[in-house]
Amino acid sequence: MPPTKEAIRRYRRFAWTIVAFTVVVILSGDLVQATESGAGCGENWPRCNGSLIPAIGDMHTAVEFTHRVVTTVLSISFIVMVVAARRLFGHGHLVWCTALWATGFLILEIFLGAALVLFGWVEDDASWGRVIVDGFHVINTFMLVGAVALVAHFAGGHPGFRVKPAARRDRYLLATIAIFILIAVSGTLNSLADTLYFTEAVNVDETPIAALLVSIRAIHPAIAIGGGAVIFYLVHLAATQATGTTEKLALAIQCVIALQFLVGILNIVLLTPLETQIIHLTLADALWLLILIFSAHTLATLTPDEPRAIEEIAPAC
């Protein structure tokens, strides 16, 4: 028996709510690094300072424990999302398969976060382990939020999409995604460099990895400005014949890029205060979601601006 339209609408709203909450969890994780609270629960995981519910003795413990709590709530929400997708759409359906992918990214995200804590790659640590895991962490974070967004997108009756590397438009979109990821990784390393540079616990001149990260801090703004301009142009090329929702998404991407440039400059001028960092990261998440949904519309196997009934969508993963 196919799901009712009301059940589909409720599921779609629930999925978009999870997208928003996932962004909140991501920002709380960024807050952990920005406030140097990664060791707020000690080197304990999943316990915090030896307890499931610790005594909140300082700000660092409060920030780290709050991040763990919201991550737990998100994990429960993912379980509900997957179970509901299985019951509504059935085994092998596009929505169900995408929900499984999203859950896989969440599990990997949790393990990466746990590794940072258990190996002590937090606060003032300047090691290659932290650099590598931080890089994978940010990539997986965007895969996570992107996968959940696609769950909501497909649940709305939109068709699947297919990438054809031989097609020029598809290459524009693949390049856009690759450039965004490069900017994101360089931004993470830049943030880590700032953390090590402004702490008194690390002598940059005597710590080779910290010295290297600090010496290349200027690379991120250069990559962000150049890469942002290229993304702006590639989206313009990909949307040459776009209409309706796809055209609006392209315009939204370009507006967010322009706004991100302004916030990035403000962030540098003000010496990266916490407030502008959070705004900067929020805009990065918004830009990624817009790029992904724009790509899904542009590469749709059916007419992207005319959602189909959910039972008409090819169920193959």
C-alpha atoms as a PDB file:
ATOM      1  CA  MET A   1       0.000   0.000   0.000  1.00  0.00           C
ATOM      2  CA  PRO A   2       1.578   3.333  -1.063  1.00  0.00           C
ATOM      3  CA  PRO A   3       2.082   5.997   1.621  1.00  0.00           C
ATOM      4  CA  THR A   4      -0.482   8.774   1.912  1.00  0.00           C
ATOM      5  CA  LYS A   5       0.343  12.287   0.757  1.00  0.00           C
ATOM      6  CA  GLU A   6       0.025  13.559   4.324  1.00  0.00           C
ATOM      7  CA  ALA A   7       2.497  10.924   5.582  1.00  0.00           C
ATOM      8  CA  ILE A   8       4.942  11.959   2.862  1.00  0.00           C
ATOM      9  CA  ARG A   9       4.570  15.636   3.780  1.00  0.00           C
ATOM     10  CA  ARG A  10       5.198  14.888   7.451  1.00  0.00           C
ATOM     11  CA  TYR A  11       8.268  12.835   6.614  1.00  0.00           C
ATOM     12  CA  ARG A  12       9.615  15.558   4.321  1.00  0.00           C
ATOM     13  CA  ARG A  13       9.144  18.211   7.022  1.00  0.00           C
ATOM     14  CA  PHE A  14      10.817  15.914   9.541  1.00  0.00           C
ATOM     15  CA  ALA A  15      13.784  15.374   7.192  1.00  0.00           C
ATOM     16  CA  TRP A  16      14.260  19.115   6.619  1.00  0.00           C
ATOM     17  CA  THR A  17      14.060  19.614  10.407  1.00  0.00           C
ATOM     18  CA  ILE A  18      16.880  17.090  10.777  1.00  0.00           C
ATOM     19  CA  VAL A  19      18.875  19.038   8.172  1.00  0.00           C
ATOM     20  CA  ALA A  20      18.506  22.213  10.246  1.00  0.00           C
ATOM     21  CA  PHE A  21      19.351  20.378  13.466  1.00  0.00           C
ATOM     22  CA  THR A  22      22.393  18.762  11.822  1.00  0.00           C
ATOM     23  CA  VAL A  23      23.693  22.241  10.997  1.00  0.00           C
ATOM     24  CA  VAL A  24      23.163  23.224  14.652  1.00  0.00           C
ATOM     25  CA  VAL A  25      25.168  20.174  15.774  1.00  0.00           C
ATOM     26  CA  ILE A  26      27.934  21.048  13.293  1.00  0.00           C
ATOM     27  CA  LEU A  27      28.073  24.611  14.622  1.00  0.00           C
ATOM     28  CA  SER A  28      28.233  23.301  18.187  1.00  0.00           C
ATOM     29  CA  GLY A  29      31.230  21.208  17.137  1.00  0.00           C
ATOM     30  CA  ASP A  30      32.883  24.283  15.655  1.00  0.00           C
ATOM     31  CA  LEU A  31      32.148  26.078  18.916  1.00  0.00           C
ATOM     32  CA  VAL A  32      34.013  23.311  20.754  1.00  0.00           C
ATOM     33  CA  GLN A  33      37.169  24.015  18.729  1.00  0.00           C
ATOM     34  CA  ALA A  34      36.774  27.794  18.776  1.00  0.00           C
ATOM     35  CA  THR A  35      36.540  27.829  22.590  1.00  0.00           C
ATOM     36  CA  GLU A  36      39.267  25.159  22.990  1.00  0.00           C
ATOM     37  CA  SER A  37      36.774  22.894  24.777  1.00  0.00           C
ATOM     38  CA  GLY A  38      37.730  19.638  23.068  1.00  0.00           C
ATOM     39  CA  ALA A  39      39.113  18.275  26.343  1.00  0.00           C
ATOM     40  CA  GLY A  40      36.194  19.583  28.387  1.00  0.00           C
ATOM     41  CA  CYS A  41      35.208  16.001  29.191  1.00  0.00           C
ATOM     42  CA  GLY A  42      38.769  14.790  29.613  1.00  0.00           C
ATOM     43  CA  GLU A  43      40.006  11.911  27.482  1.00  0.00           C
ATOM     44  CA  ASN A  44      36.759  10.024  28.118  1.00  0.00           C
ATOM     45  CA  TRP A  45      34.279   8.903  25.485  1.00  0.00           C
ATOM     46  CA  PRO A  46      31.343   8.330  25.546  1.00  0.00           C
ATOM     47  CA  ARG A  47      31.501   9.277  29.230  1.00  0.00           C
ATOM     48  CA  CYS A  48      32.301  12.847  30.209  1.00  0.00           C
ATOM     49  CA  ASN A  49      34.866  13.136  33.006  1.00  0.00           C
ATOM     50  CA  GLY A  50      34.021   9.571  34.003  1.00  0.00           C
ATOM     51  CA  SER A  51      30.236  10.093  34.184  1.00  0.00           C
ATOM     52  CA  LEU A  52      27.331   9.952  31.779  1.00  0.00           C
ATOM     53  CA  ILE A  53      26.032  13.196  33.300  1.00  0.00           C
ATOM     54  CA  PRO A  54      29.025  15.124  34.659  1.00  0.00           C
ATOM     55  CA  ALA A  55      29.156  17.999  37.080  1.00  0.00           C
ATOM     56  CA  ILE A  56      29.473  21.162  35.008  1.00  0.00           C
ATOM     57  CA  GLY A  57      32.477  22.770  36.647  1.00  0.00           C
ATOM     58  CA  ASP A  58      33.552  25.162  33.901  1.00  0.00           C
ATOM     59  CA  MET A  59      32.637  26.525  30.486  1.00  0.00           C
ATOM     60  CA  HIS A  60      34.757  23.991  28.593  1.00  0.00           C
ATOM     61  CA  THR A  61      32.927  21.041  30.131  1.00  0.00           C
ATOM     62  CA  ALA A  62      29.574  22.711  29.449  1.00  0.00           C
ATOM     63  CA  VAL A  63      30.413  23.305  25.775  1.00  0.00           C
ATOM     64  CA  GLU A  64      31.800  19.811  25.128  1.00  0.00           C
ATOM     65  CA  PHE A  65      29.007  18.039  27.039  1.00  0.00           C
ATOM     66  CA  THR A  66      26.322  20.075  25.260  1.00  0.00           C
ATOM     67  CA  HIS A  67      27.840  19.076  21.919  1.00  0.00           C
ATOM     68  CA  ARG A  68      27.701  15.423  22.923  1.00  0.00           C
ATOM     69  CA  VAL A  69      24.081  15.725  24.070  1.00  0.00           C
ATOM     70  CA  VAL A  70      22.878  17.317  20.826  1.00  0.00           C
ATOM     71  CA  THR A  71      24.826  14.692  18.863  1.00  0.00           C
ATOM     72  CA  THR A  72      22.988  11.972  20.801  1.00  0.00           C
ATOM     73  CA  VAL A  73      19.634  13.606  20.048  1.00  0.00           C
ATOM     74  CA  LEU A  74      20.610  13.805  16.376  1.00  0.00           C
ATOM     75  CA  SER A  75      21.543  10.114  16.376  1.00  0.00           C
ATOM     76  CA  ILE A  76      18.113   9.183  17.728  1.00  0.00           C
ATOM     77  CA  SER A  77      16.498  11.359  15.059  1.00  0.00           C
ATOM     78  CA  PHE A  78      18.457   9.485  12.384  1.00  0.00           C
ATOM     79  CA  ILE A  79      17.168   6.152  13.669  1.00  0.00           C
ATOM     80  CA  VAL A  80      13.604   7.456  13.419  1.00  0.00           C
ATOM     81  CA  MET A  81      14.321   8.806   9.924  1.00  0.00           C
ATOM     82  CA  VAL A  82      15.635   5.460   8.658  1.00  0.00           C
ATOM     83  CA  VAL A  83      12.847   3.383  10.238  1.00  0.00           C
ATOM     84  CA  ALA A  84      10.183   5.746   8.889  1.00  0.00           C
ATOM     85  CA  ALA A  85      11.773   5.669   5.422  1.00  0.00           C
ATOM     86  CA  ARG A  86      11.702   1.866   5.459  1.00  0.00           C
ATOM     87  CA  ARG A  87       8.034   1.768   6.487  1.00  0.00           C
ATOM     88  CA  LEU A  88       6.865   4.511   4.102  1.00  0.00           C
ATOM     89  CA  PHE A  89       8.900   3.797   0.983  1.00  0.00           C
ATOM     90  CA  GLY A  90      10.083   0.243   1.364  1.00  0.00           C
ATOM     91  CA  HIS A  91      13.389  -1.559   1.015  1.00  0.00           C
ATOM     92  CA  GLY A  92      15.580  -0.342  -1.835  1.00  0.00           C
ATOM     93  CA  HIS A  93      13.708   2.902  -2.428  1.00  0.00           C
ATOM     94  CA  LEU A  94      15.761   6.018  -3.229  1.00  0.00           C
ATOM     95  CA  VAL A  95      14.668   7.771  -0.013  1.00  0.00           C
ATOM     96  CA  TRP A  96      15.466   4.760   2.152  1.00  0.00           C
ATOM     97  CA  CYS A  97      18.877   4.185   0.546  1.00  0.00           C
ATOM     98  CA  THR A  98      19.842   7.843   0.925  1.00  0.00           C
ATOM     99  CA  ALA A  99      18.773   7.752   4.583  1.00  0.00           C
ATOM    100  CA  LEU A 100      21.107   4.779   5.076  1.00  0.00           C
ATOM    101  CA  TRP A 101      23.981   6.702   3.478  1.00  0.00           C
ATOM    102  CA  ALA A 102      23.267   9.664   5.751  1.00  0.00           C
ATOM    103  CA  THR A 103      23.320   7.392   8.800  1.00  0.00           C
ATOM    104  CA  GLY A 104      26.623   5.909   7.675  1.00  0.00           C
ATOM    105  CA  PHE A 105      28.132   9.386   7.497  1.00  0.00           C
ATOM    106  CA  LEU A 106      26.755  10.146  10.976  1.00  0.00           C
ATOM    107  CA  ILE A 107      28.352   7.004  12.429  1.00  0.00           C
ATOM    108  CA  LEU A 108      31.684   7.927  10.826  1.00  0.00           C
ATOM    109  CA  GLU A 109      31.300  11.479  12.163  1.00  0.00           C
ATOM    110  CA  ILE A 110      30.834  10.155  15.689  1.00  0.00           C
ATOM    111  CA  PHE A 111      33.895   7.908  15.420  1.00  0.00           C
ATOM    112  CA  LEU A 112      36.043  10.750  14.075  1.00  0.00           C
ATOM    113  CA  GLY A 113      34.939  12.963  16.969  1.00  0.00           C
ATOM    114  CA  ALA A 114      35.683  10.153  19.411  1.00  0.00           C
ATOM    115  CA  ALA A 115      39.153   9.650  17.880  1.00  0.00           C
ATOM    116  CA  LEU A 116      39.981  13.323  18.407  1.00  0.00           C
ATOM    117  CA  VAL A 117      39.114  12.987  22.090  1.00  0.00           C
ATOM    118  CA  LEU A 118      40.603   9.552  22.804  1.00  0.00           C
ATOM    119  CA  PHE A 119      43.922  10.351  21.099  1.00  0.00           C
ATOM    120  CA  GLY A 120      44.114  13.785  22.712  1.00  0.00           C
ATOM    121  CA  TRP A 121      43.952  15.629  19.372  1.00  0.00           C
ATOM    122  CA  VAL A 122      42.170  18.588  20.920  1.00  0.00           C
ATOM    123  CA  GLU A 123      42.839  22.004  22.486  1.00  0.00           C
ATOM    124  CA  ASP A 124      46.557  22.775  22.125  1.00  0.00           C
ATOM    125  CA  ASP A 125      47.626  19.539  20.428  1.00  0.00           C
ATOM    126  CA  ALA A 126      49.767  20.117  17.348  1.00  0.00           C
ATOM    127  CA  SER A 127      50.169  16.730  15.653  1.00  0.00           C
ATOM    128  CA  TRP A 128      49.782  15.264  12.201  1.00  0.00           C
ATOM    129  CA  GLY A 129      47.060  12.997  13.564  1.00  0.00           C
ATOM    130  CA  ARG A 130      44.935  16.001  14.430  1.00  0.00           C
ATOM    131  CA  VAL A 131      45.604  17.675  11.082  1.00  0.00           C
ATOM    132  CA  ILE A 132      44.612  14.562   9.114  1.00  0.00           C
ATOM    133  CA  VAL A 133      41.533  13.708  11.176  1.00  0.00           C
ATOM    134  CA  ASP A 134      40.352  17.336  11.159  1.00  0.00           C
ATOM    135  CA  GLY A 135      40.574  17.291   7.361  1.00  0.00           C
ATOM    136  CA  PHE A 136      38.553  14.081   7.063  1.00  0.00           C
ATOM    137  CA  HIS A 137      36.168  15.384   9.715  1.00  0.00           C
ATOM    138  CA  VAL A 138      35.157  18.472   7.735  1.00  0.00           C
ATOM    139  CA  ILE A 139      34.711  16.483   4.499  1.00  0.00           C
ATOM    140  CA  ASN A 140      32.530  13.913   6.257  1.00  0.00           C
ATOM    141  CA  THR A 141      30.548  16.695   7.934  1.00  0.00           C
ATOM    142  CA  PHE A 142      29.501  18.143   4.590  1.00  0.00           C
ATOM    143  CA  MET A 143      28.747  14.651   3.228  1.00  0.00           C
ATOM    144  CA  LEU A 144      26.522  14.107   6.264  1.00  0.00           C
ATOM    145  CA  VAL A 145      24.440  17.266   5.995  1.00  0.00           C
ATOM    146  CA  GLY A 146      24.293  16.887   2.214  1.00  0.00           C
ATOM    147  CA  ALA A 147      22.979  13.322   2.427  1.00  0.00           C
ATOM    148  CA  VAL A 148      20.203  14.354   4.835  1.00  0.00           C
ATOM    149  CA  ALA A 149      19.252  17.218   2.527  1.00  0.00           C
ATOM    150  CA  LEU A 150      18.940  14.730  -0.335  1.00  0.00           C
ATOM    151  CA  VAL A 151      16.672  12.540   1.803  1.00  0.00           C
ATOM    152  CA  ALA A 152      14.329  15.522   2.220  1.00  0.00           C
ATOM    153  CA  HIS A 153      14.711  16.414  -1.464  1.00  0.00           C
ATOM    154  CA  PHE A 154      13.806  12.937  -2.721  1.00  0.00           C
ATOM    155  CA  ALA A 155      10.967  12.625  -0.197  1.00  0.00           C
ATOM    156  CA  GLY A 156       9.472  15.726  -1.810  1.00  0.00           C
ATOM    157  CA  GLY A 157       8.854  13.771  -4.992  1.00  0.00           C
ATOM    158  CA  HIS A 158      11.949  14.910  -6.864  1.00  0.00           C
ATOM    159  CA  PRO A 159      13.632  12.341  -9.094  1.00  0.00           C
ATOM    160  CA  GLY A 160      17.082  10.903  -8.763  1.00  0.00           C
ATOM    161  CA  PHE A 161      19.989  12.258 -10.764  1.00  0.00           C
ATOM    162  CA  ARG A 162      22.760  10.856 -12.865  1.00  0.00           C
ATOM    163  CA  VAL A 163      26.235  12.311 -13.420  1.00  0.00           C
ATOM    164  CA  LYS A 164      27.732  12.038 -16.909  1.00  0.00           C
ATOM    165  CA  PRO A 165      31.398  13.140 -16.723  1.00  0.00           C
ATOM    166  CA  ALA A 166      31.493  13.483 -20.507  1.00  0.00           C
ATOM    167  CA  ALA A 167      28.844  16.221 -20.364  1.00  0.00           C
ATOM    168  CA  ARG A 168      30.250  19.747 -19.985  1.00  0.00           C
ATOM    169  CA  ARG A 169      27.519  20.861 -17.574  1.00  0.00           C
ATOM    170  CA  ASP A 170      28.143  17.865 -15.333  1.00  0.00           C
ATOM    171  CA  ARG A 171      31.865  18.637 -15.255  1.00  0.00           C
ATOM    172  CA  TYR A 172      31.044  22.198 -14.155  1.00  0.00           C
ATOM    173  CA  LEU A 173      29.032  20.829 -11.235  1.00  0.00           C
ATOM    174  CA  LEU A 174      31.674  18.270 -10.241  1.00  0.00           C
ATOM    175  CA  ALA A 175      34.317  21.008 -10.304  1.00  0.00           C
ATOM    176  CA  THR A 176      32.071  23.230  -8.183  1.00  0.00           C
ATOM    177  CA  ILE A 177      31.732  20.532  -5.523  1.00  0.00           C
ATOM    178  CA  ALA A 178      35.476  19.749  -5.569  1.00  0.00           C
ATOM    179  CA  ILE A 179      36.418  23.425  -5.207  1.00  0.00           C
ATOM    180  CA  PHE A 180      33.997  23.865  -2.324  1.00  0.00           C
ATOM    181  CA  ILE A 181      35.511  20.890  -0.474  1.00  0.00           C
ATOM    182  CA  LEU A 182      39.017  22.287  -1.056  1.00  0.00           C
ATOM    183  CA  ILE A 183      37.945  25.642   0.413  1.00  0.00           C
ATOM    184  CA  ALA A 184      36.347  23.885   3.393  1.00  0.00           C
ATOM    185  CA  VAL A 185      39.444  21.803   4.188  1.00  0.00           C
ATOM    186  CA  SER A 186      41.748  24.825   3.883  1.00  0.00           C
ATOM    187  CA  GLY A 187      39.381  26.731   6.181  1.00  0.00           C
ATOM    188  CA  THR A 188      39.563  23.977   8.801  1.00  0.00           C
ATOM    189  CA  LEU A 189      43.362  24.005   8.725  1.00  0.00           C
ATOM    190  CA  ASN A 190      43.306  27.791   8.924  1.00  0.00           C
ATOM    191  CA  SER A 191      41.061  27.618  11.993  1.00  0.00           C
ATOM    192  CA  LEU A 192      43.417  25.106  13.601  1.00  0.00           C
ATOM    193  CA  ALA A 193      46.356  27.416  12.856  1.00  0.00           C
ATOM    194  CA  ASP A 194      44.528  30.290  14.566  1.00  0.00           C
ATOM    195  CA  THR A 195      43.831  28.098  17.591  1.00  0.00           C
ATOM    196  CA  LEU A 196      47.508  27.169  17.954  1.00  0.00           C
ATOM    197  CA  TYR A 197      48.782  30.666  17.184  1.00  0.00           C
ATOM    198  CA  PHE A 198      46.683  32.472  19.789  1.00  0.00           C
ATOM    199  CA  THR A 199      47.209  30.026  22.637  1.00  0.00           C
ATOM    200  CA  GLU A 200      49.989  30.509  25.148  1.00  0.00           C
ATOM    201  CA  ALA A 201      50.388  26.752  25.594  1.00  0.00           C
ATOM    202  CA  VAL A 202      52.060  26.303  22.205  1.00  0.00           C
ATOM    203  CA  ASN A 203      55.354  27.852  21.229  1.00  0.00           C
ATOM    204  CA  VAL A 204      54.883  28.090  17.488  1.00  0.00           C
ATOM    205  CA  ASP A 205      58.574  28.627  16.790  1.00  0.00           C
ATOM    206  CA  GLU A 206      59.466  25.376  18.566  1.00  0.00           C
ATOM    207  CA  THR A 207      56.568  23.288  17.213  1.00  0.00           C
ATOM    208  CA  PRO A 208      57.160  22.345  13.548  1.00  0.00           C
ATOM    209  CA  ILE A 209      53.563  21.423  12.688  1.00  0.00           C
ATOM    210  CA  ALA A 210      52.165  24.557  14.331  1.00  0.00           C
ATOM    211  CA  ALA A 211      54.794  26.663  12.567  1.00  0.00           C
ATOM    212  CA  LEU A 212      53.852  25.104   9.221  1.00  0.00           C
ATOM    213  CA  LEU A 213      50.121  25.686   9.744  1.00  0.00           C
ATOM    214  CA  VAL A 214      50.666  29.283  10.821  1.00  0.00           C
ATOM    215  CA  SER A 215      52.978  29.928   7.858  1.00  0.00           C
ATOM    216  CA  ILE A 216      50.277  28.912   5.376  1.00  0.00           C
ATOM    217  CA  ARG A 217      47.395  30.762   7.038  1.00  0.00           C
ATOM    218  CA  ALA A 218      47.187  33.182   4.128  1.00  0.00           C
ATOM    219  CA  ILE A 219      46.439  30.336   1.728  1.00  0.00           C
ATOM    220  CA  HIS A 220      42.826  29.905   2.857  1.00  0.00           C
ATOM    221  CA  PRO A 221      41.702  33.475   2.069  1.00  0.00           C
ATOM    222  CA  ALA A 222      43.389  33.182  -1.339  1.00  0.00           C
ATOM    223  CA  ILE A 223      41.739  29.820  -2.051  1.00  0.00           C
ATOM    224  CA  ALA A 224      38.385  31.066  -0.738  1.00  0.00           C
ATOM    225  CA  ILE A 225      38.412  34.214  -2.880  1.00  0.00           C
ATOM    226  CA  GLY A 226      39.693  32.535  -6.031  1.00  0.00           C
ATOM    227  CA  GLY A 227      37.621  29.391  -5.540  1.00  0.00           C
ATOM    228  CA  GLY A 228      34.497  31.364  -4.697  1.00  0.00           C
ATOM    229  CA  ALA A 229      34.850  33.383  -7.889  1.00  0.00           C
ATOM    230  CA  VAL A 230      35.277  30.197  -9.921  1.00  0.00           C
ATOM    231  CA  ILE A 231      32.213  28.603  -8.290  1.00  0.00           C
ATOM    232  CA  PHE A 232      30.228  31.785  -9.027  1.00  0.00           C
ATOM    233  CA  TYR A 233      31.153  31.497 -12.723  1.00  0.00           C
ATOM    234  CA  LEU A 234      30.694  27.708 -12.977  1.00  0.00           C
ATOM    235  CA  VAL A 235      27.197  27.944 -11.505  1.00  0.00           C
ATOM    236  CA  HIS A 236      26.429  30.666 -14.043  1.00  0.00           C
ATOM    237  CA  LEU A 237      27.569  28.349 -16.860  1.00  0.00           C
ATOM    238  CA  ALA A 238      25.654  25.357 -15.474  1.00  0.00           C
ATOM    239  CA  ALA A 239      22.482  27.434 -15.161  1.00  0.00           C
ATOM    240  CA  THR A 240      22.614  28.961 -18.636  1.00  0.00           C
ATOM    241  CA  GLN A 241      19.361  27.305 -19.695  1.00  0.00           C
ATOM    242  CA  ALA A 242      17.890  26.896 -16.211  1.00  0.00           C
ATOM    243  CA  THR A 243      14.383  28.047 -15.369  1.00  0.00           C
ATOM    244  CA  GLY A 244      12.105  28.081 -12.345  1.00  0.00           C
ATOM    245  CA  THR A 245      13.501  26.626  -9.122  1.00  0.00           C
ATOM    246  CA  THR A 246      16.873  25.746 -10.656  1.00  0.00           C
ATOM    247  CA  GLU A 247      17.410  29.332 -11.805  1.00  0.00           C
ATOM    248  CA  LYS A 248      16.473  30.651  -8.343  1.00  0.00           C
ATOM    249  CA  LEU A 249      18.893  28.232  -6.685  1.00  0.00           C
ATOM    250  CA  ALA A 250      21.720  29.448  -8.941  1.00  0.00           C
ATOM    251  CA  LEU A 251      20.974  33.049  -7.992  1.00  0.00           C
ATOM    252  CA  ALA A 252      20.850  32.126  -4.300  1.00  0.00           C
ATOM    253  CA  ILE A 253      24.277  30.455  -4.579  1.00  0.00           C
ATOM    254  CA  GLN A 254      25.784  33.569  -6.127  1.00  0.00           C
ATOM    255  CA  CYS A 255      24.228  35.823  -3.458  1.00  0.00           C
ATOM    256  CA  VAL A 256      25.567  33.650  -0.629  1.00  0.00           C
ATOM    257  CA  ILE A 257      29.051  33.676  -2.205  1.00  0.00           C
ATOM    258  CA  ALA A 258      28.987  37.473  -2.307  1.00  0.00           C
ATOM    259  CA  LEU A 259      27.820  37.635   1.311  1.00  0.00           C
ATOM    260  CA  GLN A 260      30.441  35.092   2.344  1.00  0.00           C
ATOM    261  CA  PHE A 261      33.160  37.284   0.816  1.00  0.00           C
ATOM    262  CA  LEU A 262      32.024  40.217   2.971  1.00  0.00           C
ATOM    263  CA  VAL A 263      31.823  38.143   6.158  1.00  0.00           C
ATOM    264  CA  GLY A 264      35.218  36.583   5.447  1.00  0.00           C
ATOM    265  CA  ILE A 265      36.831  40.001   5.103  1.00  0.00           C
ATOM    266  CA  LEU A 266      35.116  41.153   8.291  1.00  0.00           C
ATOM    267  CA  ASN A 267      36.325  38.026  10.064  1.00  0.00           C
ATOM    268  CA  ILE A 268      39.949  38.793   9.140  1.00  0.00           C
ATOM    269  CA  VAL A 269      39.718  42.501   9.973  1.00  0.00           C
ATOM    270  CA  LEU A 270      38.249  41.735  13.423  1.00  0.00           C
ATOM    271  CA  LEU A 271      40.862  38.991  14.037  1.00  0.00           C
ATOM    272  CA  THR A 272      38.400  36.074  13.827  1.00  0.00           C
ATOM    273  CA  PRO A 273      36.031  36.728  16.760  1.00  0.00           C
ATOM    274  CA  LEU A 274      33.681  33.867  17.680  1.00  0.00           C
ATOM    275  CA  GLU A 275      30.576  35.657  16.401  1.00  0.00           C
ATOM    276  CA  THR A 276      31.836  36.166  12.852  1.00  0.00           C
ATOM    277  CA  GLN A 277      33.282  32.650  12.795  1.00  0.00           C
ATOM    278  CA  ILE A 278      29.829  31.198  13.508  1.00  0.00           C
ATOM    279  CA  ILE A 279      28.228  33.387  10.822  1.00  0.00           C
ATOM    280  CA  HIS A 280      30.980  32.408   8.381  1.00  0.00           C
ATOM    281  CA  LEU A 281      30.443  28.700   9.058  1.00  0.00           C
ATOM    282  CA  THR A 282      26.647  28.997   8.879  1.00  0.00           C
ATOM    283  CA  LEU A 283      26.931  30.596   5.447  1.00  0.00           C
ATOM    284  CA  ALA A 284      29.321  27.820   4.367  1.00  0.00           C
ATOM    285  CA  ASP A 285      26.713  25.208   5.338  1.00  0.00           C
ATOM    286  CA  ALA A 286      24.001  27.158   3.503  1.00  0.00           C
ATOM    287  CA  LEU A 287      26.192  27.441   0.407  1.00  0.00           C
ATOM    288  CA  TRP A 288      26.920  23.712   0.413  1.00  0.00           C
ATOM    289  CA  LEU A 289      23.221  22.830   0.696  1.00  0.00           C
ATOM    290  CA  LEU A 290      22.327  25.208  -2.121  1.00  0.00           C
ATOM    291  CA  ILE A 291      25.071  23.790  -4.363  1.00  0.00           C
ATOM    292  CA  LEU A 292      23.933  20.234  -3.688  1.00  0.00           C
ATOM    293  CA  ILE A 293      20.225  20.842  -4.278  1.00  0.00           C
ATOM    294  CA  PHE A 294      21.035  22.957  -7.350  1.00  0.00           C
ATOM    295  CA  SER A 295      23.103  20.057  -8.697  1.00  0.00           C
ATOM    296  CA  ALA A 296      20.311  17.577  -7.929  1.00  0.00           C
ATOM    297  CA  HIS A 297      17.828  19.752  -9.863  1.00  0.00           C
ATOM    298  CA  THR A 298      20.206  20.321 -12.758  1.00  0.00           C
ATOM    299  CA  LEU A 299      21.135  16.644 -13.113  1.00  0.00           C
ATOM    300  CA  ALA A 300      17.612  15.316 -12.553  1.00  0.00           C
ATOM    301  CA  THR A 301      16.644  12.377 -14.740  1.00  0.00           C
ATOM    302  CA  LEU A 302      13.142  13.867 -15.009  1.00  0.00           C
ATOM    303  CA  THR A 303      11.919  17.455 -15.296  1.00  0.00           C
ATOM    304  CA  PRO A 304      13.364  18.944 -12.061  1.00  0.00           C
ATOM    305  CA  ASP A 305      10.694  21.589 -11.461  1.00  0.00           C
ATOM    306  CA  GLU A 306       7.787  19.161 -11.645  1.00  0.00           C
ATOM    307  CA  PRO A 307       7.949  16.824  -8.605  1.00  0.00           C
ATOM    308  CA  ARG A 308       6.399  13.425  -9.292  1.00  0.00           C
ATOM    309  CA  ALA A 309       4.223  11.325  -7.048  1.00  0.00           C
ATOM    310  CA  ILE A 310       6.491   9.375  -4.714  1.00  0.00           C
ATOM    311  CA  GLU A 311       5.410   6.011  -6.107  1.00  0.00           C
ATOM    312  CA  GLU A 312       6.399   7.131  -9.611  1.00  0.00           C
ATOM    313  CA  ILE A 313      10.043   7.645  -8.687  1.00  0.00           C
ATOM    314  CA  ALA A 314      12.368   4.803  -9.662  1.00  0.00           C
ATOM    315  CA  PRO A 315      12.975   2.988  -6.361  1.00  0.00           C
ATOM    316  CA  ALA A 316      16.434   1.695  -7.236  1.00  0.00           C
ATOM    317  CA  CYS A 317      19.245   2.986  -5.056  1.00  0.00           C
END
